């Protein structure tokens, strides 16, 4: 009978993962930290696959994974961050103990920007269920400042993380709405969408907090993207319903007919439902606003519809054009835009 106790740590790690002997994974990972870079990368690829298949398994050996976030090889750090994103998306509890390590990667200005982006994404998923663990003033500041970065991938993930914080505990961003609104005209539509969604999330809990960003939200009613227009309309509808935003107050929002314009059925429905909610709220018809469509103007509704909206947003269009920057996509190439670097 073969004795695997003396096998190389990578081989033992693979076997332990395959046999679901998770108690043995920690030991193998500890040995691999002093192994070759190629072995460490292969180990993290195995864990990345495990994260997709059985994310809850990470709860038993997460402390042995987080040290790889500071590995000398940036590919190892990126693979680690990606694995933690996959785990956090499915099981935020499993990654909650790694918040400090992820926050350090986010805050490191010398870190490879993809590692920072993925760390932010993992933090965002944890924030949905554990906002207290993630939404410290320092982390929120790093996320907000990062919106000024040039790299689209970083801005998208940081905006997404802020959205998750807002949907986990809207009060955390109540006093940061103006800072978020400064980036509502970002050239990247995913950034605009995530930030509009974050602001709408805050509005579900504290509608009056949106008063200072009425103008920035109103400008998004003519955004080229229907999902951005819809979320902006939803946020404005929450503000209107709170303040009795009637014409006699001189504060009503002009809702252009173009706010309803969209190409696909999904886009048309998303925008139309929320523009209808805004118009009813402006007229003071709370019953009509509430009955426009189920869950519009509620935190549960914003959370429920966000993933589907992002899926539509990031799907390549029929002409093979990048949904982020508009460049023609090469046929047969990896699903990564050669111009802006964003996945599609």
C-alpha atoms as a PDB file:
ATOM      1  CA  UNK A   1       0.000   0.000   0.000  1.00  0.00           C
ATOM      2  CA  UNK A   2       1.425   3.420  -0.966  1.00  0.00           C
ATOM      3  CA  UNK A   3       2.387   5.733   1.869  1.00  0.00           C
ATOM      4  CA  UNK A   4       1.734   9.317   0.789  1.00  0.00           C
ATOM      5  CA  UNK A   5       3.212  10.819   3.933  1.00  0.00           C
ATOM      6  CA  UNK A   6       6.541  11.261   2.160  1.00  0.00           C
ATOM      7  CA  UNK A   7       5.094  12.504  -1.109  1.00  0.00           C
ATOM      8  CA  UNK A   8       5.838  16.097  -2.173  1.00  0.00           C
ATOM      9  CA  UNK A   9       3.519  18.624  -0.474  1.00  0.00           C
ATOM     10  CA  UNK A  10       1.851  19.607  -3.772  1.00  0.00           C
ATOM     11  CA  UNK A  11       0.978  15.987  -4.477  1.00  0.00           C
ATOM     12  CA  UNK A  12      -0.363  15.558  -0.959  1.00  0.00           C
ATOM     13  CA  UNK A  13      -2.375  18.761  -1.271  1.00  0.00           C
ATOM     14  CA  UNK A  14      -3.995  17.584  -4.505  1.00  0.00           C
ATOM     15  CA  UNK A  15      -4.819  14.218  -2.980  1.00  0.00           C
ATOM     16  CA  UNK A  16      -6.204  15.799   0.181  1.00  0.00           C
ATOM     17  CA  UNK A  17      -8.456  18.075  -1.860  1.00  0.00           C
ATOM     18  CA  UNK A  18      -9.654  15.216  -4.034  1.00  0.00           C
ATOM     19  CA  UNK A  19     -10.358  13.039  -0.987  1.00  0.00           C
ATOM     20  CA  UNK A  20     -11.925  15.930   0.958  1.00  0.00           C
ATOM     21  CA  UNK A  21      -9.356  15.411   3.708  1.00  0.00           C
ATOM     22  CA  UNK A  22      -9.378  19.098   4.495  1.00  0.00           C
ATOM     23  CA  UNK A  23      -7.625  18.723   7.849  1.00  0.00           C
ATOM     24  CA  UNK A  24      -4.505  17.707   5.897  1.00  0.00           C
ATOM     25  CA  UNK A  25      -4.650  20.698   3.539  1.00  0.00           C
ATOM     26  CA  UNK A  26      -3.292  23.169   6.094  1.00  0.00           C
ATOM     27  CA  UNK A  27      -0.106  21.143   6.609  1.00  0.00           C
ATOM     28  CA  UNK A  28       0.549  20.862   2.901  1.00  0.00           C
ATOM     29  CA  UNK A  29       0.002  24.587   2.408  1.00  0.00           C
ATOM     30  CA  UNK A  30       2.418  25.373   5.212  1.00  0.00           C
ATOM     31  CA  UNK A  31       5.137  23.330   3.525  1.00  0.00           C
ATOM     32  CA  UNK A  32       4.386  24.832   0.117  1.00  0.00           C
ATOM     33  CA  UNK A  33       5.101  28.345   1.378  1.00  0.00           C
ATOM     34  CA  UNK A  34       8.811  27.512   1.149  1.00  0.00           C
ATOM     35  CA  UNK A  35       8.471  25.527  -2.077  1.00  0.00           C
ATOM     36  CA  UNK A  36       8.950  26.631  -5.662  1.00  0.00           C
ATOM     37  CA  UNK A  37       6.842  29.408  -7.155  1.00  0.00           C
ATOM     38  CA  UNK A  38       5.444  26.971  -9.711  1.00  0.00           C
ATOM     39  CA  UNK A  39       4.331  24.577  -6.978  1.00  0.00           C
ATOM     40  CA  UNK A  40       2.704  27.429  -5.065  1.00  0.00           C
ATOM     41  CA  UNK A  41       0.868  28.590  -8.169  1.00  0.00           C
ATOM     42  CA  UNK A  42      -0.318  25.076  -8.944  1.00  0.00           C
ATOM     43  CA  UNK A  43      -1.508  24.666  -5.350  1.00  0.00           C
ATOM     44  CA  UNK A  44      -3.518  27.878  -5.582  1.00  0.00           C
ATOM     45  CA  UNK A  45      -5.041  26.748  -8.877  1.00  0.00           C
ATOM     46  CA  UNK A  46      -6.200  23.576  -7.126  1.00  0.00           C
ATOM     47  CA  UNK A  47      -7.708  25.674  -4.352  1.00  0.00           C
ATOM     48  CA  UNK A  48      -9.330  27.961  -6.926  1.00  0.00           C
ATOM     49  CA  UNK A  49     -11.117  24.943  -8.388  1.00  0.00           C
ATOM     50  CA  UNK A  50     -12.118  23.830  -4.911  1.00  0.00           C
ATOM     51  CA  UNK A  51     -13.485  27.323  -4.243  1.00  0.00           C
ATOM     52  CA  UNK A  52     -15.811  26.942  -7.209  1.00  0.00           C
ATOM     53  CA  UNK A  53     -16.950  23.447  -6.265  1.00  0.00           C
ATOM     54  CA  UNK A  54     -17.002  23.449  -2.443  1.00  0.00           C
ATOM     55  CA  UNK A  55     -16.409  26.933  -1.034  1.00  0.00           C
ATOM     56  CA  UNK A  56     -17.506  26.005   2.492  1.00  0.00           C
ATOM     57  CA  UNK A  57     -14.486  23.703   2.754  1.00  0.00           C
ATOM     58  CA  UNK A  58     -12.291  26.781   3.192  1.00  0.00           C
ATOM     59  CA  UNK A  59     -13.634  27.405   6.680  1.00  0.00           C
ATOM     60  CA  UNK A  60     -11.433  24.603   8.012  1.00  0.00           C
ATOM     61  CA  UNK A  61      -8.122  25.774   6.525  1.00  0.00           C
ATOM     62  CA  UNK A  62      -8.501  29.482   5.713  1.00  0.00           C
ATOM     63  CA  UNK A  63      -5.686  30.552   8.107  1.00  0.00           C
ATOM     64  CA  UNK A  64      -3.280  28.523   5.961  1.00  0.00           C
ATOM     65  CA  UNK A  65      -4.469  30.262   2.773  1.00  0.00           C
ATOM     66  CA  UNK A  66      -4.296  33.934   3.766  1.00  0.00           C
ATOM     67  CA  UNK A  67      -0.450  34.049   4.073  1.00  0.00           C
ATOM     68  CA  UNK A  68      -0.285  33.556   0.308  1.00  0.00           C
ATOM     69  CA  UNK A  69      -1.791  37.040  -0.072  1.00  0.00           C
ATOM     70  CA  UNK A  70       1.681  38.372   0.765  1.00  0.00           C
ATOM     71  CA  UNK A  71       3.642  35.870  -1.318  1.00  0.00           C
ATOM     72  CA  UNK A  72       6.688  37.235  -3.174  1.00  0.00           C
ATOM     73  CA  UNK A  73       5.190  36.111  -6.488  1.00  0.00           C
ATOM     74  CA  UNK A  74       2.353  38.390  -7.604  1.00  0.00           C
ATOM     75  CA  UNK A  75       0.737  35.570  -9.604  1.00  0.00           C
ATOM     76  CA  UNK A  76       0.397  33.615  -6.357  1.00  0.00           C
ATOM     77  CA  UNK A  77      -1.118  36.648  -4.630  1.00  0.00           C
ATOM     78  CA  UNK A  78      -3.592  37.104  -7.482  1.00  0.00           C
ATOM     79  CA  UNK A  79      -4.581  33.430  -7.509  1.00  0.00           C
ATOM     80  CA  UNK A  80      -5.136  33.621  -3.754  1.00  0.00           C
ATOM     81  CA  UNK A  81      -7.307  36.708  -4.044  1.00  0.00           C
ATOM     82  CA  UNK A  82      -9.328  35.125  -6.858  1.00  0.00           C
ATOM     83  CA  UNK A  83      -9.914  32.003  -4.774  1.00  0.00           C
ATOM     84  CA  UNK A  84     -11.121  34.120  -1.859  1.00  0.00           C
ATOM     85  CA  UNK A  85     -13.483  36.023  -4.175  1.00  0.00           C
ATOM     86  CA  UNK A  86     -15.057  32.746  -5.278  1.00  0.00           C
ATOM     87  CA  UNK A  87     -15.407  31.584  -1.678  1.00  0.00           C
ATOM     88  CA  UNK A  88     -16.773  34.911  -0.432  1.00  0.00           C
ATOM     89  CA  UNK A  89     -19.386  35.045  -3.191  1.00  0.00           C
ATOM     90  CA  UNK A  90     -20.813  31.716  -2.035  1.00  0.00           C
ATOM     91  CA  UNK A  91     -19.928  31.677   1.663  1.00  0.00           C
ATOM     92  CA  UNK A  92     -19.060  35.098   3.166  1.00  0.00           C
ATOM     93  CA  UNK A  93     -18.698  33.516   6.614  1.00  0.00           C
ATOM     94  CA  UNK A  94     -15.721  31.490   5.432  1.00  0.00           C
ATOM     95  CA  UNK A  95     -13.773  34.573   4.355  1.00  0.00           C
ATOM     96  CA  UNK A  96     -14.711  36.899   7.225  1.00  0.00           C
ATOM     97  CA  UNK A  97     -11.534  35.956   9.186  1.00  0.00           C
ATOM     98  CA  UNK A  98      -9.441  37.114   6.210  1.00  0.00           C
ATOM     99  CA  UNK A  99     -10.817  40.674   6.173  1.00  0.00           C
ATOM    100  CA  UNK A 100      -7.692  42.215   7.703  1.00  0.00           C
ATOM    101  CA  UNK A 101      -5.387  40.468   5.243  1.00  0.00           C
ATOM    102  CA  UNK A 102      -7.536  41.513   2.283  1.00  0.00           C
ATOM    103  CA  UNK A 103      -7.757  45.085   3.558  1.00  0.00           C
ATOM    104  CA  UNK A 104      -3.957  45.238   3.729  1.00  0.00           C
ATOM    105  CA  UNK A 105      -3.714  44.205   0.062  1.00  0.00           C
ATOM    106  CA  UNK A 106      -6.266  46.860  -0.866  1.00  0.00           C
ATOM    107  CA  UNK A 107      -4.373  49.546   1.032  1.00  0.00           C
ATOM    108  CA  UNK A 108      -0.934  48.679  -0.392  1.00  0.00           C
ATOM    109  CA  UNK A 109      -0.218  51.299  -3.044  1.00  0.00           C
ATOM    110  CA  UNK A 110       2.646  49.199  -4.436  1.00  0.00           C
ATOM    111  CA  UNK A 111       0.475  46.131  -4.930  1.00  0.00           C
ATOM    112  CA  UNK A 112      -0.387  44.879  -8.429  1.00  0.00           C
ATOM    113  CA  UNK A 113      -3.674  46.530  -9.311  1.00  0.00           C
ATOM    114  CA  UNK A 114      -5.463  43.265 -10.162  1.00  0.00           C
ATOM    115  CA  UNK A 115      -4.651  41.943  -6.681  1.00  0.00           C
ATOM    116  CA  UNK A 116      -6.071  45.136  -5.169  1.00  0.00           C
ATOM    117  CA  UNK A 117      -9.173  44.813  -7.331  1.00  0.00           C
ATOM    118  CA  UNK A 118      -9.840  41.205  -6.366  1.00  0.00           C
ATOM    119  CA  UNK A 119      -9.191  41.938  -2.704  1.00  0.00           C
ATOM    120  CA  UNK A 120     -11.780  44.703  -2.865  1.00  0.00           C
ATOM    121  CA  UNK A 121     -14.247  42.354  -4.539  1.00  0.00           C
ATOM    122  CA  UNK A 122     -13.812  39.725  -1.816  1.00  0.00           C
ATOM    123  CA  UNK A 123     -14.261  42.378   0.873  1.00  0.00           C
ATOM    124  CA  UNK A 124     -17.454  43.488  -0.821  1.00  0.00           C
ATOM    125  CA  UNK A 125     -18.983  40.034  -0.762  1.00  0.00           C
ATOM    126  CA  UNK A 126     -18.147  39.682   2.929  1.00  0.00           C
ATOM    127  CA  UNK A 127     -19.679  43.113   3.580  1.00  0.00           C
ATOM    128  CA  UNK A 128     -23.069  41.921   2.342  1.00  0.00           C
ATOM    129  CA  UNK A 129     -23.371  39.699   5.420  1.00  0.00           C
ATOM    130  CA  UNK A 130     -20.774  41.212   7.746  1.00  0.00           C
ATOM    131  CA  UNK A 131     -20.674  44.986   7.211  1.00  0.00           C
ATOM    132  CA  UNK A 132     -19.264  45.542  10.705  1.00  0.00           C
ATOM    133  CA  UNK A 133     -16.205  43.462   9.823  1.00  0.00           C
ATOM    134  CA  UNK A 134     -15.477  45.298   6.570  1.00  0.00           C
ATOM    135  CA  UNK A 135     -16.816  48.835   6.660  1.00  0.00           C
ATOM    136  CA  UNK A 136     -14.194  50.516   8.816  1.00  0.00           C
ATOM    137  CA  UNK A 137     -13.389  54.149   8.020  1.00  0.00           C
ATOM    138  CA  UNK A 138      -9.967  53.103   6.685  1.00  0.00           C
ATOM    139  CA  UNK A 139     -11.341  50.473   4.299  1.00  0.00           C
ATOM    140  CA  UNK A 140     -14.124  52.756   3.076  1.00  0.00           C
ATOM    141  CA  UNK A 141     -11.546  55.490   2.456  1.00  0.00           C
ATOM    142  CA  UNK A 142      -9.358  53.105   0.443  1.00  0.00           C
ATOM    143  CA  UNK A 143     -12.339  52.013  -1.633  1.00  0.00           C
ATOM    144  CA  UNK A 144     -13.450  55.569  -2.302  1.00  0.00           C
ATOM    145  CA  UNK A 145      -9.979  56.895  -3.136  1.00  0.00           C
ATOM    146  CA  UNK A 146      -9.476  53.964  -5.473  1.00  0.00           C
ATOM    147  CA  UNK A 147     -12.301  55.211  -7.675  1.00  0.00           C
ATOM    148  CA  UNK A 148      -9.812  57.738  -9.054  1.00  0.00           C
ATOM    149  CA  UNK A 149      -7.498  55.023 -10.388  1.00  0.00           C
ATOM    150  CA  UNK A 150      -6.938  54.726 -14.116  1.00  0.00           C
ATOM    151  CA  UNK A 151      -7.322  50.941 -14.362  1.00  0.00           C
ATOM    152  CA  UNK A 152     -10.938  49.991 -15.221  1.00  0.00           C
ATOM    153  CA  UNK A 153     -10.683  46.630 -13.449  1.00  0.00           C
ATOM    154  CA  UNK A 154      -9.737  48.311 -10.183  1.00  0.00           C
ATOM    155  CA  UNK A 155     -12.461  50.946 -10.352  1.00  0.00           C
ATOM    156  CA  UNK A 156     -15.115  48.367 -11.225  1.00  0.00           C
ATOM    157  CA  UNK A 157     -14.272  46.119  -8.295  1.00  0.00           C
ATOM    158  CA  UNK A 158     -13.973  48.983  -5.826  1.00  0.00           C
ATOM    159  CA  UNK A 159     -17.295  50.423  -6.947  1.00  0.00           C
ATOM    160  CA  UNK A 160     -18.806  46.952  -6.616  1.00  0.00           C
ATOM    161  CA  UNK A 161     -17.402  46.623  -3.098  1.00  0.00           C
ATOM    162  CA  UNK A 162     -18.936  49.966  -2.118  1.00  0.00           C
ATOM    163  CA  UNK A 163     -22.236  48.766  -3.561  1.00  0.00           C
ATOM    164  CA  UNK A 164     -22.002  45.640  -1.396  1.00  0.00           C
ATOM    165  CA  UNK A 165     -21.323  47.727   1.712  1.00  0.00           C
ATOM    166  CA  UNK A 166     -24.401  49.835   0.961  1.00  0.00           C
ATOM    167  CA  UNK A 167     -26.549  46.759   0.422  1.00  0.00           C
ATOM    168  CA  UNK A 168     -25.223  45.131   3.585  1.00  0.00           C
ATOM    169  CA  UNK A 169     -25.658  48.177   5.828  1.00  0.00           C
ATOM    170  CA  UNK A 170     -26.786  51.367   4.030  1.00  0.00           C
ATOM    171  CA  UNK A 171     -26.030  53.508   7.061  1.00  0.00           C
ATOM    172  CA  UNK A 172     -22.297  52.911   6.583  1.00  0.00           C
ATOM    173  CA  UNK A 173     -22.315  55.137   3.496  1.00  0.00           C
ATOM    174  CA  UNK A 174     -24.943  57.660   4.555  1.00  0.00           C
ATOM    175  CA  UNK A 175     -22.357  60.405   5.001  1.00  0.00           C
ATOM    176  CA  UNK A 176     -20.285  59.418   1.955  1.00  0.00           C
ATOM    177  CA  UNK A 177     -22.947  59.770  -0.726  1.00  0.00           C
ATOM    178  CA  UNK A 178     -21.504  63.022  -2.073  1.00  0.00           C
ATOM    179  CA  UNK A 179     -18.087  61.391  -2.455  1.00  0.00           C
ATOM    180  CA  UNK A 180     -19.632  58.528  -4.424  1.00  0.00           C
ATOM    181  CA  UNK A 181     -21.620  60.907  -6.608  1.00  0.00           C
ATOM    182  CA  UNK A 182     -18.392  62.594  -7.719  1.00  0.00           C
ATOM    183  CA  UNK A 183     -17.754  59.520  -9.852  1.00  0.00           C
ATOM    184  CA  UNK A 184     -21.227  59.049 -11.326  1.00  0.00           C
ATOM    185  CA  UNK A 185     -19.943  60.415 -14.640  1.00  0.00           C
ATOM    186  CA  UNK A 186     -17.121  57.862 -14.865  1.00  0.00           C
ATOM    187  CA  UNK A 187     -16.519  56.657 -18.418  1.00  0.00           C
ATOM    188  CA  UNK A 188     -16.980  53.038 -17.325  1.00  0.00           C
ATOM    189  CA  UNK A 189     -20.661  52.071 -17.238  1.00  0.00           C
ATOM    190  CA  UNK A 190     -20.101  49.343 -14.641  1.00  0.00           C
ATOM    191  CA  UNK A 191     -18.610  51.909 -12.272  1.00  0.00           C
ATOM    192  CA  UNK A 192     -21.579  54.203 -12.854  1.00  0.00           C
ATOM    193  CA  UNK A 193     -24.031  51.350 -12.316  1.00  0.00           C
ATOM    194  CA  UNK A 194     -22.444  50.094  -9.091  1.00  0.00           C
ATOM    195  CA  UNK A 195     -22.279  53.593  -7.640  1.00  0.00           C
ATOM    196  CA  UNK A 196     -25.867  54.419  -8.593  1.00  0.00           C
ATOM    197  CA  UNK A 197     -26.883  51.145  -6.957  1.00  0.00           C
ATOM    198  CA  UNK A 198     -24.902  51.975  -3.815  1.00  0.00           C
ATOM    199  CA  UNK A 199     -26.590  55.381  -3.617  1.00  0.00           C
ATOM    200  CA  UNK A 200     -30.008  53.798  -4.188  1.00  0.00           C
ATOM    201  CA  UNK A 201     -29.214  51.371  -1.372  1.00  0.00           C
ATOM    202  CA  UNK A 202     -28.476  54.266   0.956  1.00  0.00           C
ATOM    203  CA  UNK A 203     -31.711  55.913  -0.179  1.00  0.00           C
ATOM    204  CA  UNK A 204     -33.716  52.858   0.830  1.00  0.00           C
ATOM    205  CA  UNK A 205     -32.609  53.446   4.416  1.00  0.00           C
ATOM    206  CA  UNK A 206     -32.096  57.238   4.482  1.00  0.00           C
ATOM    207  CA  UNK A 207     -33.811  58.893   1.499  1.00  0.00           C
ATOM    208  CA  UNK A 208     -33.045  62.413   2.662  1.00  0.00           C
ATOM    209  CA  UNK A 209     -29.321  61.648   2.498  1.00  0.00           C
ATOM    210  CA  UNK A 210     -29.644  61.815  -1.301  1.00  0.00           C
ATOM    211  CA  UNK A 211     -30.727  65.463  -1.370  1.00  0.00           C
ATOM    212  CA  UNK A 212     -27.171  66.703  -1.888  1.00  0.00           C
ATOM    213  CA  UNK A 213     -26.669  64.502  -4.973  1.00  0.00           C
ATOM    214  CA  UNK A 214     -29.994  65.192  -6.699  1.00  0.00           C
ATOM    215  CA  UNK A 215     -28.224  66.935  -9.595  1.00  0.00           C
ATOM    216  CA  UNK A 216     -25.695  64.153 -10.158  1.00  0.00           C
ATOM    217  CA  UNK A 217     -28.455  61.540 -10.139  1.00  0.00           C
ATOM    218  CA  UNK A 218     -30.643  63.614 -12.465  1.00  0.00           C
ATOM    219  CA  UNK A 219     -27.781  63.748 -14.954  1.00  0.00           C
ATOM    220  CA  UNK A 220     -27.782  59.949 -15.070  1.00  0.00           C
ATOM    221  CA  UNK A 221     -31.400  59.918 -16.313  1.00  0.00           C
ATOM    222  CA  UNK A 222     -29.945  60.482 -19.775  1.00  0.00           C
ATOM    223  CA  UNK A 223     -27.112  57.997 -19.317  1.00  0.00           C
ATOM    224  CA  UNK A 224     -26.384  55.851 -22.356  1.00  0.00           C
ATOM    225  CA  UNK A 225     -26.920  52.731 -20.256  1.00  0.00           C
ATOM    226  CA  UNK A 226     -30.480  51.750 -19.327  1.00  0.00           C
ATOM    227  CA  UNK A 227     -29.495  50.052 -16.075  1.00  0.00           C
ATOM    228  CA  UNK A 228     -27.702  53.186 -14.889  1.00  0.00           C
ATOM    229  CA  UNK A 229     -30.760  55.278 -15.842  1.00  0.00           C
ATOM    230  CA  UNK A 230     -33.031  52.897 -13.991  1.00  0.00           C
ATOM    231  CA  UNK A 231     -31.019  52.883 -10.768  1.00  0.00           C
ATOM    232  CA  UNK A 232     -30.705  56.683 -10.839  1.00  0.00           C
ATOM    233  CA  UNK A 233     -34.476  56.974 -11.289  1.00  0.00           C
ATOM    234  CA  UNK A 234     -35.043  54.585  -8.377  1.00  0.00           C
ATOM    235  CA  UNK A 235     -32.784  56.651  -6.118  1.00  0.00           C
ATOM    236  CA  UNK A 236     -34.510  59.887  -7.144  1.00  0.00           C
ATOM    237  CA  UNK A 237     -37.886  58.271  -6.562  1.00  0.00           C
ATOM    238  CA  UNK A 238     -36.886  57.424  -3.013  1.00  0.00           C
ATOM    239  CA  UNK A 239     -35.837  61.026  -2.416  1.00  0.00           C
ATOM    240  CA  UNK A 240     -39.045  62.374  -3.972  1.00  0.00           C
ATOM    241  CA  UNK A 241     -41.225  60.108  -1.889  1.00  0.00           C
ATOM    242  CA  UNK A 242     -39.473  61.176   1.306  1.00  0.00           C
ATOM    243  CA  UNK A 243     -39.603  64.902   0.693  1.00  0.00           C
ATOM    244  CA  UNK A 244     -42.994  65.249  -0.948  1.00  0.00           C
ATOM    245  CA  UNK A 245     -41.107  66.363  -4.061  1.00  0.00           C
ATOM    246  CA  UNK A 246     -43.992  68.120  -5.771  1.00  0.00           C
ATOM    247  CA  UNK A 247     -43.811  70.782  -8.435  1.00  0.00           C
ATOM    248  CA  UNK A 248     -44.994  73.431  -5.972  1.00  0.00           C
ATOM    249  CA  UNK A 249     -41.739  72.960  -4.059  1.00  0.00           C
ATOM    250  CA  UNK A 250     -39.754  73.912  -7.132  1.00  0.00           C
ATOM    251  CA  UNK A 251     -37.573  70.801  -6.698  1.00  0.00           C
ATOM    252  CA  UNK A 252     -39.114  68.323  -9.111  1.00  0.00           C
ATOM    253  CA  UNK A 253     -36.844  66.410 -11.478  1.00  0.00           C
ATOM    254  CA  UNK A 254     -37.304  66.666 -15.211  1.00  0.00           C
ATOM    255  CA  UNK A 255     -37.677  63.108 -16.477  1.00  0.00           C
ATOM    256  CA  UNK A 256     -36.841  63.011 -20.204  1.00  0.00           C
ATOM    257  CA  UNK A 257     -38.601  60.520 -22.433  1.00  0.00           C
ATOM    258  CA  UNK A 258     -35.155  59.205 -23.390  1.00  0.00           C
ATOM    259  CA  UNK A 259     -34.860  57.769 -19.881  1.00  0.00           C
ATOM    260  CA  UNK A 260     -37.166  55.004 -21.094  1.00  0.00           C
ATOM    261  CA  UNK A 261     -35.253  54.292 -24.289  1.00  0.00           C
ATOM    262  CA  UNK A 262     -33.478  50.928 -24.364  1.00  0.00           C
ATOM    263  CA  UNK A 263     -32.601  48.200 -26.816  1.00  0.00           C
ATOM    264  CA  UNK A 264     -33.346  44.874 -25.150  1.00  0.00           C
ATOM    265  CA  UNK A 265     -36.491  43.743 -23.391  1.00  0.00           C
ATOM    266  CA  UNK A 266     -34.590  43.450 -20.097  1.00  0.00           C
ATOM    267  CA  UNK A 267     -33.204  46.969 -20.376  1.00  0.00           C
ATOM    268  CA  UNK A 268     -36.579  48.420 -21.333  1.00  0.00           C
ATOM    269  CA  UNK A 269     -38.337  46.770 -18.390  1.00  0.00           C
ATOM    270  CA  UNK A 270     -35.654  47.736 -15.879  1.00  0.00           C
ATOM    271  CA  UNK A 271     -35.623  51.404 -16.888  1.00  0.00           C
ATOM    272  CA  UNK A 272     -39.384  51.727 -17.383  1.00  0.00           C
ATOM    273  CA  UNK A 273     -40.264  50.254 -13.990  1.00  0.00           C
ATOM    274  CA  UNK A 274     -38.006  52.636 -12.143  1.00  0.00           C
ATOM    275  CA  UNK A 275     -38.889  55.715 -14.171  1.00  0.00           C
ATOM    276  CA  UNK A 276     -42.527  54.901 -13.419  1.00  0.00           C
ATOM    277  CA  UNK A 277     -41.641  54.695  -9.736  1.00  0.00           C
ATOM    278  CA  UNK A 278     -39.947  58.105  -9.935  1.00  0.00           C
ATOM    279  CA  UNK A 279     -42.844  59.779 -11.719  1.00  0.00           C
ATOM    280  CA  UNK A 280     -45.408  58.385  -9.288  1.00  0.00           C
ATOM    281  CA  UNK A 281     -43.271  59.477  -6.339  1.00  0.00           C
ATOM    282  CA  UNK A 282     -42.958  62.990  -7.765  1.00  0.00           C
ATOM    283  CA  UNK A 283     -46.717  63.235  -8.060  1.00  0.00           C
ATOM    284  CA  UNK A 284     -47.068  62.237  -4.435  1.00  0.00           C
ATOM    285  CA  UNK A 285     -48.937  59.060  -5.365  1.00  0.00           C
ATOM    286  CA  UNK A 286     -47.326  56.706  -2.880  1.00  0.00           C
ATOM    287  CA  UNK A 287     -49.777  53.917  -3.649  1.00  0.00           C
ATOM    288  CA  UNK A 288     -48.969  54.081  -7.355  1.00  0.00           C
ATOM    289  CA  UNK A 289     -45.251  54.264  -6.613  1.00  0.00           C
ATOM    290  CA  UNK A 290     -45.448  51.216  -4.357  1.00  0.00           C
ATOM    291  CA  UNK A 291     -47.420  49.222  -6.906  1.00  0.00           C
ATOM    292  CA  UNK A 292     -45.293  50.125  -9.938  1.00  0.00           C
ATOM    293  CA  UNK A 293     -43.397  46.873  -9.641  1.00  0.00           C
ATOM    294  CA  UNK A 294     -42.612  44.511  -6.790  1.00  0.00           C
ATOM    295  CA  UNK A 295     -39.666  45.532  -4.604  1.00  0.00           C
ATOM    296  CA  UNK A 296     -38.691  48.691  -6.519  1.00  0.00           C
ATOM    297  CA  UNK A 297     -37.539  51.241  -3.962  1.00  0.00           C
ATOM    298  CA  UNK A 298     -36.696  48.608  -1.331  1.00  0.00           C
ATOM    299  CA  UNK A 299     -33.321  47.324  -0.187  1.00  0.00           C
ATOM    300  CA  UNK A 300     -34.414  43.748  -0.802  1.00  0.00           C
ATOM    301  CA  UNK A 301     -35.404  44.647  -4.349  1.00  0.00           C
ATOM    302  CA  UNK A 302     -32.108  46.382  -5.078  1.00  0.00           C
ATOM    303  CA  UNK A 303     -30.192  43.370  -3.781  1.00  0.00           C
ATOM    304  CA  UNK A 304     -32.369  40.956  -5.729  1.00  0.00           C
ATOM    305  CA  UNK A 305     -31.998  42.676  -9.101  1.00  0.00           C
ATOM    306  CA  UNK A 306     -28.349  43.707  -9.038  1.00  0.00           C
ATOM    307  CA  UNK A 307     -26.734  40.434 -10.144  1.00  0.00           C
ATOM    308  CA  UNK A 308     -29.028  40.055 -13.161  1.00  0.00           C
ATOM    309  CA  UNK A 309     -28.428  43.671 -14.170  1.00  0.00           C
ATOM    310  CA  UNK A 310     -24.656  43.179 -14.040  1.00  0.00           C
ATOM    311  CA  UNK A 311     -24.965  40.009 -16.113  1.00  0.00           C
ATOM    312  CA  UNK A 312     -26.810  41.971 -18.784  1.00  0.00           C
ATOM    313  CA  UNK A 313     -24.325  44.813 -18.530  1.00  0.00           C
ATOM    314  CA  UNK A 314     -21.288  42.620 -19.016  1.00  0.00           C
ATOM    315  CA  UNK A 315     -22.621  40.435 -21.804  1.00  0.00           C
ATOM    316  CA  UNK A 316     -20.900  41.187 -25.148  1.00  0.00           C
ATOM    317  CA  UNK A 317     -23.263  42.827 -27.579  1.00  0.00           C
ATOM    318  CA  UNK A 318     -24.332  41.224 -30.827  1.00  0.00           C
ATOM    319  CA  UNK A 319     -21.632  43.057 -32.777  1.00  0.00           C
ATOM    320  CA  UNK A 320     -18.759  41.679 -30.711  1.00  0.00           C
ATOM    321  CA  UNK A 321     -17.969  44.963 -28.997  1.00  0.00           C
ATOM    322  CA  UNK A 322     -16.525  45.273 -25.488  1.00  0.00           C
ATOM    323  CA  UNK A 323     -19.370  46.381 -23.185  1.00  0.00           C
ATOM    324  CA  UNK A 324     -16.912  48.501 -21.198  1.00  0.00           C
ATOM    325  CA  UNK A 325     -14.879  50.510 -23.704  1.00  0.00           C
ATOM    326  CA  UNK A 326     -16.541  49.782 -27.065  1.00  0.00           C
ATOM    327  CA  UNK A 327     -13.541  48.302 -28.873  1.00  0.00           C
ATOM    328  CA  UNK A 328     -14.117  45.478 -31.376  1.00  0.00           C
ATOM    329  CA  UNK A 329     -13.370  42.141 -29.721  1.00  0.00           C
ATOM    330  CA  UNK A 330     -11.096  39.656 -31.532  1.00  0.00           C
ATOM    331  CA  UNK A 331     -12.628  36.289 -32.382  1.00  0.00           C
ATOM    332  CA  UNK A 332     -11.328  33.260 -30.502  1.00  0.00           C
ATOM    333  CA  UNK A 333      -9.383  35.333 -27.966  1.00  0.00           C
ATOM    334  CA  UNK A 334      -9.561  34.877 -24.174  1.00  0.00           C
ATOM    335  CA  UNK A 335     -12.541  36.652 -22.554  1.00  0.00           C
ATOM    336  CA  UNK A 336     -10.478  39.720 -21.662  1.00  0.00           C
ATOM    337  CA  UNK A 337     -10.681  43.002 -23.548  1.00  0.00           C
ATOM    338  CA  UNK A 338      -7.304  43.762 -25.188  1.00  0.00           C
ATOM    339  CA  UNK A 339      -7.891  47.489 -24.744  1.00  0.00           C
ATOM    340  CA  UNK A 340      -9.297  48.114 -21.270  1.00  0.00           C
ATOM    341  CA  UNK A 341      -8.388  44.754 -19.707  1.00  0.00           C
ATOM    342  CA  UNK A 342     -11.884  44.115 -18.381  1.00  0.00           C
ATOM    343  CA  UNK A 343     -13.373  40.605 -18.552  1.00  0.00           C
ATOM    344  CA  UNK A 344     -16.402  40.034 -20.744  1.00  0.00           C
END
